[in-house]
PDB file of N, CA and C in Angstrom:
ATOM      1  N   MET A   1      -1.351   8.032   9.895  1.00  0.00           N
ATOM      2  CA  MET A   1      -2.232   7.318   8.072  1.00  0.00           C
ATOM      3  C   MET A   1      -2.991   6.307   7.802  1.00  0.00           C
ATOM      4  N   MET A   2      -3.914   6.727   7.453  1.00  0.00           N
ATOM      5  CA  MET A   2      -5.126   5.252   6.619  1.00  0.00           C
ATOM      6  C   MET A   2      -4.364   5.009   5.010  1.00  0.00           C
ATOM      7  N   ILE A   3      -3.531   4.575   4.992  1.00  0.00           N
ATOM      8  CA  ILE A   3      -3.195   4.509   3.654  1.00  0.00           C
ATOM      9  C   ILE A   3      -4.082   3.089   2.706  1.00  0.00           C
ATOM     10  N   ALA A   4      -4.769   2.706   3.855  1.00  0.00           N
ATOM     11  CA  ALA A   4      -5.923   1.411   3.182  1.00  0.00           C
ATOM     12  C   ALA A   4      -6.757   1.522   4.266  1.00  0.00           C
ATOM     13  N   PRO A   5      -7.933   1.660   4.211  1.00  0.00           N
ATOM     14  CA  PRO A   5      -8.440   2.068   6.120  1.00  0.00           C
ATOM     15  C   PRO A   5      -9.457   0.999   6.284  1.00  0.00           C
ATOM     16  N   ASN A   6      -9.515   0.230   5.085  1.00  0.00           N
ATOM     17  CA  ASN A   6     -10.370  -0.736   4.556  1.00  0.00           C
ATOM     18  C   ASN A   6      -9.856  -2.462   4.900  1.00  0.00           C
ATOM     19  N   ALA A   7      -8.973  -2.215   5.393  1.00  0.00           N
ATOM     20  CA  ALA A   7      -7.906  -3.495   5.890  1.00  0.00           C
ATOM     21  C   ALA A   7      -8.283  -4.280   6.720  1.00  0.00           C
ATOM     22  N   GLU A   8      -7.670  -5.434   6.684  1.00  0.00           N
ATOM     23  CA  GLU A   8      -8.304  -5.891   7.929  1.00  0.00           C
ATOM     24  C   GLU A   8      -6.680  -6.814   8.312  1.00  0.00           C
ATOM     25  N   LEU A   9      -6.693  -7.208   9.731  1.00  0.00           N
ATOM     26  CA  LEU A   9      -5.217  -7.853   9.877  1.00  0.00           C
ATOM     27  C   LEU A   9      -5.216  -9.036  10.089  1.00  0.00           C
ATOM     28  N   ASP A  10      -6.385  -9.782  10.093  1.00  0.00           N
ATOM     29  CA  ASP A  10      -6.833 -11.326   9.721  1.00  0.00           C
ATOM     30  C   ASP A  10      -7.845 -12.026   8.573  1.00  0.00           C
ATOM     31  N   ASP A  11      -7.731 -11.273   7.493  1.00  0.00           N
ATOM     32  CA  ASP A  11      -8.618 -11.961   6.864  1.00  0.00           C
ATOM     33  C   ASP A  11      -7.894 -12.554   5.195  1.00  0.00           C
ATOM     34  N   GLY A  12      -6.354 -12.657   5.786  1.00  0.00           N
ATOM     35  CA  GLY A  12      -6.120 -13.124   4.904  1.00  0.00           C
ATOM     36  C   GLY A  12      -6.066 -12.936   3.150  1.00  0.00           C
ATOM     37  N   MET A  13      -5.955 -11.084   3.128  1.00  0.00           N
ATOM     38  CA  MET A  13      -5.509 -10.490   2.007  1.00  0.00           C
ATOM     39  C   MET A  13      -4.811  -9.363   1.811  1.00  0.00           C
ATOM     40  N   PHE A  14      -3.636  -8.685   1.075  1.00  0.00           N
ATOM     41  CA  PHE A  14      -3.788  -7.359   1.031  1.00  0.00           C
ATOM     42  C   PHE A  14      -4.599  -6.372   0.738  1.00  0.00           C
ATOM     43  N   ASP A  15      -4.522  -5.692   1.206  1.00  0.00           N
ATOM     44  CA  ASP A  15      -5.161  -4.072   1.124  1.00  0.00           C
ATOM     45  C   ASP A  15      -4.458  -3.276   0.011  1.00  0.00           C
ATOM     46  N   VAL A  16      -4.153  -3.007  -1.511  1.00  0.00           N
ATOM     47  CA  VAL A  16      -2.677  -2.546  -2.439  1.00  0.00           C
ATOM     48  C   VAL A  16      -3.719  -0.896  -2.868  1.00  0.00           C
ATOM     49  N   THR A  17      -2.699   0.074  -2.462  1.00  0.00           N
ATOM     50  CA  THR A  17      -3.282   0.984  -2.656  1.00  0.00           C
ATOM     51  C   THR A  17      -2.498   1.818  -3.304  1.00  0.00           C
ATOM     52  N   MET A  18      -3.452   1.562  -4.657  1.00  0.00           N
ATOM     53  CA  MET A  18      -2.374   2.943  -5.950  1.00  0.00           C
ATOM     54  C   MET A  18      -3.098   4.109  -6.202  1.00  0.00           C
ATOM     55  N   VAL A  19      -2.063   4.974  -6.299  1.00  0.00           N
ATOM     56  CA  VAL A  19      -2.084   6.197  -6.148  1.00  0.00           C
ATOM     57  C   VAL A  19      -1.320   6.738  -7.889  1.00  0.00           C
ATOM     58  N   GLY A  20      -2.702   6.561  -8.711  1.00  0.00           N
ATOM     59  CA  GLY A  20      -2.449   7.259 -10.735  1.00  0.00           C
ATOM     60  C   GLY A  20      -1.611   8.628 -10.303  1.00  0.00           C
ATOM     61  N   ASP A  21      -1.598   9.657 -11.225  1.00  0.00           N
ATOM     62  CA  ASP A  21      -0.418  10.852 -11.764  1.00  0.00           C
ATOM     63  C   ASP A  21      -1.444  11.643 -10.660  1.00  0.00           C
ATOM     64  N   LEU A  22      -1.245  12.505 -10.087  1.00  0.00           N
ATOM     65  CA  LEU A  22      -1.752  13.428  -9.046  1.00  0.00           C
ATOM     66  C   LEU A  22      -0.828  14.333  -9.652  1.00  0.00           C
ATOM     67  N   SER A  23      -1.612  16.022  -9.558  1.00  0.00           N
ATOM     68  CA  SER A  23      -1.321  17.268 -10.056  1.00  0.00           C
ATOM     69  C   SER A  23      -0.035  18.120  -8.968  1.00  0.00           C
ATOM     70  N   ILE A  24       0.347  18.554  -9.424  1.00  0.00           N
ATOM     71  CA  ILE A  24       1.122  19.182  -8.252  1.00  0.00           C
ATOM     72  C   ILE A  24      -0.058  20.174  -7.176  1.00  0.00           C
ATOM     73  N   THR A  25      -0.832  20.262  -7.665  1.00  0.00           N
ATOM     74  CA  THR A  25      -1.557  21.404  -6.564  1.00  0.00           C
ATOM     75  C   THR A  25      -2.411  20.318  -5.948  1.00  0.00           C
ATOM     76  N   GLN A  26      -3.122  18.922  -6.312  1.00  0.00           N
ATOM     77  CA  GLN A  26      -3.929  18.384  -5.721  1.00  0.00           C
ATOM     78  C   GLN A  26      -3.302  17.851  -4.155  1.00  0.00           C
ATOM     79  N   LEU A  27      -1.825  17.784  -4.665  1.00  0.00           N
ATOM     80  CA  LEU A  27      -0.572  17.750  -3.412  1.00  0.00           C
ATOM     81  C   LEU A  27      -0.229  18.139  -2.576  1.00  0.00           C
ATOM     82  N   LEU A  28      -0.778  20.012  -3.170  1.00  0.00           N
ATOM     83  CA  LEU A  28      -0.342  20.712  -2.451  1.00  0.00           C
ATOM     84  C   LEU A  28      -1.572  21.247  -1.809  1.00  0.00           C
ATOM     85  N   THR A  29      -2.756  20.730  -2.369  1.00  0.00           N
ATOM     86  CA  THR A  29      -3.376  21.488  -1.588  1.00  0.00           C
ATOM     87  C   THR A  29      -4.785  20.487  -1.089  1.00  0.00           C
ATOM     88  N   GLY A  30      -4.139  19.531  -0.579  1.00  0.00           N
ATOM     89  CA  GLY A  30      -5.109  18.619   0.432  1.00  0.00           C
ATOM     90  C   GLY A  30      -4.805  17.299   0.418  1.00  0.00           C
ATOM     91  N   PHE A  31      -4.312  16.617  -0.778  1.00  0.00           N
ATOM     92  CA  PHE A  31      -3.868  15.198  -0.902  1.00  0.00           C
ATOM     93  C   PHE A  31      -3.365  14.232  -0.082  1.00  0.00           C
ATOM     94  N   ALA A  32      -2.460  15.038   0.872  1.00  0.00           N
ATOM     95  CA  ALA A  32      -1.483  14.694   2.114  1.00  0.00           C
ATOM     96  C   ALA A  32      -2.751  14.498   3.288  1.00  0.00           C
ATOM     97  N   ARG A  33      -3.540  15.439   3.261  1.00  0.00           N
ATOM     98  CA  ARG A  33      -4.013  15.641   4.306  1.00  0.00           C
ATOM     99  C   ARG A  33      -5.605  14.201   4.561  1.00  0.00           C
ATOM    100  N   GLN A  34      -6.028  14.083   2.669  1.00  0.00           N
ATOM    101  CA  GLN A  34      -6.640  13.520   3.380  1.00  0.00           C
ATOM    102  C   GLN A  34      -6.564  11.885   3.591  1.00  0.00           C
ATOM    103  N   VAL A  35      -4.917  11.889   3.493  1.00  0.00           N
ATOM    104  CA  VAL A  35      -4.327  10.048   3.628  1.00  0.00           C
ATOM    105  C   VAL A  35      -4.423  10.197   4.800  1.00  0.00           C
ATOM    106  N   TYR A  36      -4.608  10.998   5.790  1.00  0.00           N
ATOM    107  CA  TYR A  36      -4.230  10.794   7.265  1.00  0.00           C
ATOM    108  C   TYR A  36      -6.064  10.470   7.800  1.00  0.00           C
ATOM    109  N   SER A  37      -7.454  10.670   7.155  1.00  0.00           N
ATOM    110  CA  SER A  37      -8.742  10.870   7.663  1.00  0.00           C
ATOM    111  C   SER A  37      -8.698   9.161   6.363  1.00  0.00           C
ATOM    112  N   GLY A  38      -8.588   9.003   5.929  1.00  0.00           N
ATOM    113  CA  GLY A  38      -8.546   7.410   4.430  1.00  0.00           C
ATOM    114  C   GLY A  38      -9.912   8.187   3.598  1.00  0.00           C
ATOM    115  N   ALA A  39     -10.261   9.696   3.278  1.00  0.00           N
ATOM    116  CA  ALA A  39     -10.522  10.075   2.392  1.00  0.00           C
ATOM    117  C   ALA A  39      -9.913  10.398   0.851  1.00  0.00           C
ATOM    118  N   HIS A  40      -8.400   9.736   1.178  1.00  0.00           N
ATOM    119  CA  HIS A  40      -7.799  10.059  -0.548  1.00  0.00           C
ATOM    120  C   HIS A  40      -8.875   9.178  -1.651  1.00  0.00           C
ATOM    121  N   LEU A  41      -8.693   7.508  -0.616  1.00  0.00           N
ATOM    122  CA  LEU A  41      -9.976   6.808  -1.830  1.00  0.00           C
ATOM    123  C   LEU A  41     -10.363   7.397  -2.513  1.00  0.00           C
ATOM    124  N   LYS A  42     -11.131   8.464  -2.712  1.00  0.00           N
ATOM    125  CA  LYS A  42     -12.421   8.802  -3.173  1.00  0.00           C
ATOM    126  C   LYS A  42     -11.744   9.963  -4.506  1.00  0.00           C
ATOM    127  N   THR A  43     -10.147   9.708  -3.753  1.00  0.00           N
ATOM    128  CA  THR A  43      -9.696  10.842  -5.458  1.00  0.00           C
ATOM    129  C   THR A  43      -9.804   9.992  -7.149  1.00  0.00           C
ATOM    130  N   LYS A  44      -9.835  10.993  -7.803  1.00  0.00           N
ATOM    131  CA  LYS A  44      -9.761  10.181  -9.296  1.00  0.00           C
ATOM    132  C   LYS A  44      -8.280  10.023  -8.955  1.00  0.00           C
ATOM    133  N   GLY A  45      -8.315   8.480  -9.310  1.00  0.00           N
ATOM    134  CA  GLY A  45      -6.584   8.253  -9.449  1.00  0.00           C
ATOM    135  C   GLY A  45      -6.536   6.664  -8.668  1.00  0.00           C
ATOM    136  N   VAL A  46      -6.827   7.223  -7.846  1.00  0.00           N
ATOM    137  CA  VAL A  46      -6.741   6.059  -6.622  1.00  0.00           C
ATOM    138  C   VAL A  46      -7.455   5.331  -6.919  1.00  0.00           C
ATOM    139  N   SER A  47      -7.130   3.737  -6.430  1.00  0.00           N
ATOM    140  CA  SER A  47      -7.899   3.062  -6.939  1.00  0.00           C
ATOM    141  C   SER A  47      -6.954   1.530  -5.461  1.00  0.00           C
ATOM    142  N   VAL A  48      -7.876   0.407  -5.243  1.00  0.00           N
ATOM    143  CA  VAL A  48      -7.770  -0.262  -4.121  1.00  0.00           C
ATOM    144  C   VAL A  48      -8.100  -1.495  -4.797  1.00  0.00           C
ATOM    145  N   ARG A  49      -6.698  -2.286  -4.955  1.00  0.00           N
ATOM    146  CA  ARG A  49      -7.777  -4.144  -5.128  1.00  0.00           C
ATOM    147  C   ARG A  49      -6.900  -4.738  -3.532  1.00  0.00           C
ATOM    148  N   ARG A  50      -7.599  -6.031  -4.504  1.00  0.00           N
ATOM    149  CA  ARG A  50      -7.010  -7.247  -2.839  1.00  0.00           C
ATOM    150  C   ARG A  50      -6.983  -8.235  -3.451  1.00  0.00           C
ATOM    151  N   ALA A  51      -6.025  -8.845  -2.594  1.00  0.00           N
ATOM    152  CA  ALA A  51      -5.096  -9.882  -3.236  1.00  0.00           C
ATOM    153  C   ALA A  51      -4.261 -11.090  -2.476  1.00  0.00           C
ATOM    154  N   ARG A  52      -4.425 -12.245  -2.701  1.00  0.00           N
ATOM    155  CA  ARG A  52      -3.626 -13.395  -1.476  1.00  0.00           C
ATOM    156  C   ARG A  52      -2.099 -12.760  -2.128  1.00  0.00           C
ATOM    157  N   VAL A  53      -1.274 -12.724  -3.403  1.00  0.00           N
ATOM    158  CA  VAL A  53      -0.422 -12.625  -3.760  1.00  0.00           C
ATOM    159  C   VAL A  53      -0.331 -11.623  -4.350  1.00  0.00           C
ATOM    160  N   VAL A  54       1.118 -10.755  -3.837  1.00  0.00           N
ATOM    161  CA  VAL A  54       1.452  -9.622  -5.421  1.00  0.00           C
ATOM    162  C   VAL A  54       2.575  -9.306  -6.047  1.00  0.00           C
ATOM    163  N   GLU A  55       1.998  -9.618  -7.105  1.00  0.00           N
ATOM    164  CA  GLU A  55       3.583  -9.353  -8.021  1.00  0.00           C
ATOM    165  C   GLU A  55       4.363  -7.586  -8.445  1.00  0.00           C
ATOM    166  N   ALA A  56       5.187  -7.223  -8.498  1.00  0.00           N
ATOM    167  CA  ALA A  56       5.493  -5.932  -8.820  1.00  0.00           C
ATOM    168  C   ALA A  56       6.782  -6.030  -9.612  1.00  0.00           C
ATOM    169  N   GLU A  57       6.735  -5.145 -10.848  1.00  0.00           N
ATOM    170  CA  GLU A  57       7.735  -5.144 -11.882  1.00  0.00           C
ATOM    171  C   GLU A  57       8.289  -4.180 -12.376  1.00  0.00           C
ATOM    172  N   ALA A  58       9.411  -3.649 -12.717  1.00  0.00           N
ATOM    173  CA  ALA A  58       9.107  -2.413 -13.679  1.00  0.00           C
ATOM    174  C   ALA A  58       8.491  -2.545 -15.125  1.00  0.00           C
ATOM    175  N   ILE A  59       8.721  -1.337 -15.211  1.00  0.00           N
ATOM    176  CA  ILE A  59       7.665  -1.407 -16.432  1.00  0.00           C
ATOM    177  C   ILE A  59       8.955  -1.467 -17.934  1.00  0.00           C
ATOM    178  N   ASP A  60      10.233  -0.803 -17.539  1.00  0.00           N
ATOM    179  CA  ASP A  60      11.416  -1.624 -18.366  1.00  0.00           C
ATOM    180  C   ASP A  60      12.132  -2.695 -17.233  1.00  0.00           C
ATOM    181  N   PRO A  61      13.041  -3.669 -17.357  1.00  0.00           N
ATOM    182  CA  PRO A  61      13.054  -4.161 -16.905  1.00  0.00           C
ATOM    183  C   PRO A  61      14.506  -3.844 -16.901  1.00  0.00           C
ATOM    184  N   ASN A  62      14.952  -3.320 -17.401  1.00  0.00           N
ATOM    185  CA  ASN A  62      16.683  -2.609 -17.377  1.00  0.00           C
ATOM    186  C   ASN A  62      16.535  -2.114 -16.368  1.00  0.00           C
ATOM    187  N   ASP A  63      15.470  -1.290 -16.021  1.00  0.00           N
ATOM    188  CA  ASP A  63      15.300   0.042 -15.074  1.00  0.00           C
ATOM    189  C   ASP A  63      15.772  -1.052 -13.213  1.00  0.00           C
ATOM    190  N   LYS A  64      16.360   0.064 -13.061  1.00  0.00           N
ATOM    191  CA  LYS A  64      16.360  -0.222 -11.219  1.00  0.00           C
ATOM    192  C   LYS A  64      15.786   0.140 -10.213  1.00  0.00           C
ATOM    193  N   VAL A  65      14.074  -0.177  -9.899  1.00  0.00           N
ATOM    194  CA  VAL A  65      13.529   0.147  -9.212  1.00  0.00           C
ATOM    195  C   VAL A  65      13.732   0.641  -7.766  1.00  0.00           C
ATOM    196  N   GLU A  66      13.537   0.967  -6.726  1.00  0.00           N
ATOM    197  CA  GLU A  66      13.874   0.774  -5.578  1.00  0.00           C
ATOM    198  C   GLU A  66      12.420   0.491  -4.960  1.00  0.00           C
ATOM    199  N   PHE A  67      12.375  -0.254  -3.842  1.00  0.00           N
ATOM    200  CA  PHE A  67      10.541   0.521  -2.981  1.00  0.00           C
ATOM    201  C   PHE A  67      11.015  -0.354  -1.674  1.00  0.00           C
ATOM    202  N   ASP A  68       9.962   0.558  -0.976  1.00  0.00           N
ATOM    203  CA  ASP A  68       9.668   0.511   0.567  1.00  0.00           C
ATOM    204  C   ASP A  68       8.008  -0.029   0.759  1.00  0.00           C
ATOM    205  N   VAL A  69       8.019  -0.808   1.650  1.00  0.00           N
ATOM    206  CA  VAL A  69       7.015  -1.019   2.381  1.00  0.00           C
ATOM    207  C   VAL A  69       6.917  -0.849   3.813  1.00  0.00           C
ATOM    208  N   ASP A  70       5.492  -0.424   3.719  1.00  0.00           N
ATOM    209  CA  ASP A  70       5.172   0.126   5.473  1.00  0.00           C
ATOM    210  C   ASP A  70       6.960   1.602   5.584  1.00  0.00           C
ATOM    211  N   GLY A  71       7.093   1.770   4.762  1.00  0.00           N
ATOM    212  CA  GLY A  71       7.514   3.161   5.449  1.00  0.00           C
ATOM    213  C   GLY A  71       9.534   1.815   5.420  1.00  0.00           C
ATOM    214  N   GLU A  72       9.786   0.838   4.929  1.00  0.00           N
ATOM    215  CA  GLU A  72      10.526   0.258   5.432  1.00  0.00           C
ATOM    216  C   GLU A  72      10.856  -0.051   4.085  1.00  0.00           C
ATOM    217  N   HIS A  73      12.705   0.167   3.935  1.00  0.00           N
ATOM    218  CA  HIS A  73      13.128  -0.141   2.395  1.00  0.00           C
ATOM    219  C   HIS A  73      13.591  -1.266   1.789  1.00  0.00           C
ATOM    220  N   LEU A  74      12.887  -2.170   1.019  1.00  0.00           N
ATOM    221  CA  LEU A  74      13.199  -3.637   0.923  1.00  0.00           C
ATOM    222  C   LEU A  74      13.892  -3.753  -0.250  1.00  0.00           C
ATOM    223  N   GLY A  75      13.895  -3.258  -0.929  1.00  0.00           N
ATOM    224  CA  GLY A  75      15.198  -3.760  -2.128  1.00  0.00           C
ATOM    225  C   GLY A  75      14.687  -2.902  -3.598  1.00  0.00           C
ATOM    226  N   ARG A  76      14.947  -3.839  -4.237  1.00  0.00           N
ATOM    227  CA  ARG A  76      14.804  -3.371  -5.848  1.00  0.00           C
ATOM    228  C   ARG A  76      14.094  -4.495  -6.328  1.00  0.00           C
ATOM    229  N   LEU A  77      13.033  -3.888  -7.256  1.00  0.00           N
ATOM    230  CA  LEU A  77      11.920  -4.806  -8.404  1.00  0.00           C
ATOM    231  C   LEU A  77      12.674  -5.527  -9.496  1.00  0.00           C
ATOM    232  N   PRO A  78      12.472  -6.842  -9.311  1.00  0.00           N
ATOM    233  CA  PRO A  78      11.218  -7.558  -9.279  1.00  0.00           C
ATOM    234  C   PRO A  78      10.357  -7.574  -7.267  1.00  0.00           C
ATOM    235  N   ALA A  79       9.697  -8.418  -7.179  1.00  0.00           N
ATOM    236  CA  ALA A  79       9.312  -8.728  -5.553  1.00  0.00           C
ATOM    237  C   ALA A  79       7.475  -9.123  -6.280  1.00  0.00           C
ATOM    238  N   ARG A  80       7.469  -9.923  -4.795  1.00  0.00           N
ATOM    239  CA  ARG A  80       6.459 -11.136  -5.172  1.00  0.00           C
ATOM    240  C   ARG A  80       6.151 -11.008  -3.706  1.00  0.00           C
ATOM    241  N   PHE A  81       4.834 -10.977  -2.718  1.00  0.00           N
ATOM    242  CA  PHE A  81       4.457 -10.949  -1.531  1.00  0.00           C
ATOM    243  C   PHE A  81       3.368 -11.784  -1.791  1.00  0.00           C
ATOM    244  N   GLU A  82       3.264 -12.515  -0.328  1.00  0.00           N
ATOM    245  CA  GLU A  82       2.406 -13.419   0.177  1.00  0.00           C
ATOM    246  C   GLU A  82       1.624 -13.847   1.539  1.00  0.00           C
ATOM    247  N   VAL A  83       0.461 -13.943   1.237  1.00  0.00           N
ATOM    248  CA  VAL A  83      -0.419 -13.578   2.326  1.00  0.00           C
ATOM    249  C   VAL A  83      -0.017 -15.498   3.127  1.00  0.00           C
ATOM    250  N   VAL A  84       0.482 -15.454   4.319  1.00  0.00           N
ATOM    251  CA  VAL A  84       0.824 -16.590   4.853  1.00  0.00           C
ATOM    252  C   VAL A  84      -0.110 -16.837   6.355  1.00  0.00           C
ATOM    253  N   PRO A  85      -0.895 -17.248   6.193  1.00  0.00           N
ATOM    254  CA  PRO A  85      -2.003 -17.170   7.171  1.00  0.00           C
ATOM    255  C   PRO A  85      -1.933 -17.782   8.380  1.00  0.00           C
ATOM    256  N   SER A  86      -1.575 -16.896   9.611  1.00  0.00           N
ATOM    257  CA  SER A  86      -1.506 -16.932  11.040  1.00  0.00           C
ATOM    258  C   SER A  86      -0.212 -17.329  10.717  1.00  0.00           C
ATOM    259  N   ALA A  87       0.835 -16.932  10.589  1.00  0.00           N
ATOM    260  CA  ALA A  87       2.270 -16.944   9.854  1.00  0.00           C
ATOM    261  C   ALA A  87       2.556 -16.278  11.510  1.00  0.00           C
ATOM    262  N   LEU A  88       1.959 -14.528  11.996  1.00  0.00           N
ATOM    263  CA  LEU A  88       1.936 -13.820  13.329  1.00  0.00           C
ATOM    264  C   LEU A  88       1.305 -14.326  14.391  1.00  0.00           C
ATOM    265  N   THR A  89       1.814 -14.573  15.908  1.00  0.00           N
ATOM    266  CA  THR A  89       1.024 -14.305  16.667  1.00  0.00           C
ATOM    267  C   THR A  89       1.141 -12.881  17.439  1.00  0.00           C
ATOM    268  N   LEU A  90       0.365 -12.589  17.801  1.00  0.00           N
ATOM    269  CA  LEU A  90       0.166 -11.093  18.269  1.00  0.00           C
ATOM    270  C   LEU A  90      -0.541 -11.156  19.590  1.00  0.00           C
ATOM    271  N   VAL A  91       0.285 -10.310  20.765  1.00  0.00           N
ATOM    272  CA  VAL A  91       0.458 -10.269  21.767  1.00  0.00           C
ATOM    273  C   VAL A  91      -0.558  -8.698  21.994  1.00  0.00           C
ATOM    274  N   VAL A  92      -1.039  -8.669  22.529  1.00  0.00           N
ATOM    275  CA  VAL A  92      -2.160  -7.686  23.045  1.00  0.00           C
ATOM    276  C   VAL A  92      -2.121  -7.318  23.766  1.00  0.00           C
ATOM    277  N   PRO A  93      -1.169  -6.362  24.955  1.00  0.00           N
ATOM    278  CA  PRO A  93      -0.882  -5.664  26.642  1.00  0.00           C
ATOM    279  C   PRO A  93      -2.528  -5.910  26.438  1.00  0.00           C
ATOM    280  N   GLY A  94      -2.280  -5.701  27.821  1.00  0.00           N
ATOM    281  CA  GLY A  94      -3.769  -5.379  28.843  1.00  0.00           C
ATOM    282  C   GLY A  94      -5.257  -6.029  28.570  1.00  0.00           C
ATOM    283  N   ALA A  95      -5.176  -6.971  27.260  1.00  0.00           N
ATOM    284  CA  ALA A  95      -5.916  -8.031  26.679  1.00  0.00           C
ATOM    285  C   ALA A  95      -6.915  -8.981  27.199  1.00  0.00           C
TER     286      ALA A  95
END
């Protein structure tokens, strides 16, 4: 999947892809397929923002909103994410 196809590993920024309300027809007739090529970014209601810090909170503070990041369950909102430059060392086999 290419959720954020223009994201770069080393630019110190999050690329946050937001998907607004989509109809059942949109979901069933191609949106999921478009995610695999990155073409979903052209869909009305889809936007991308870039930031060093991302904060997320529930609209209603009394709601318990669970969230996942990159397919992993991380907990409940509110949450704050910040890019820490050079925090990871990557090893590329054969490079």
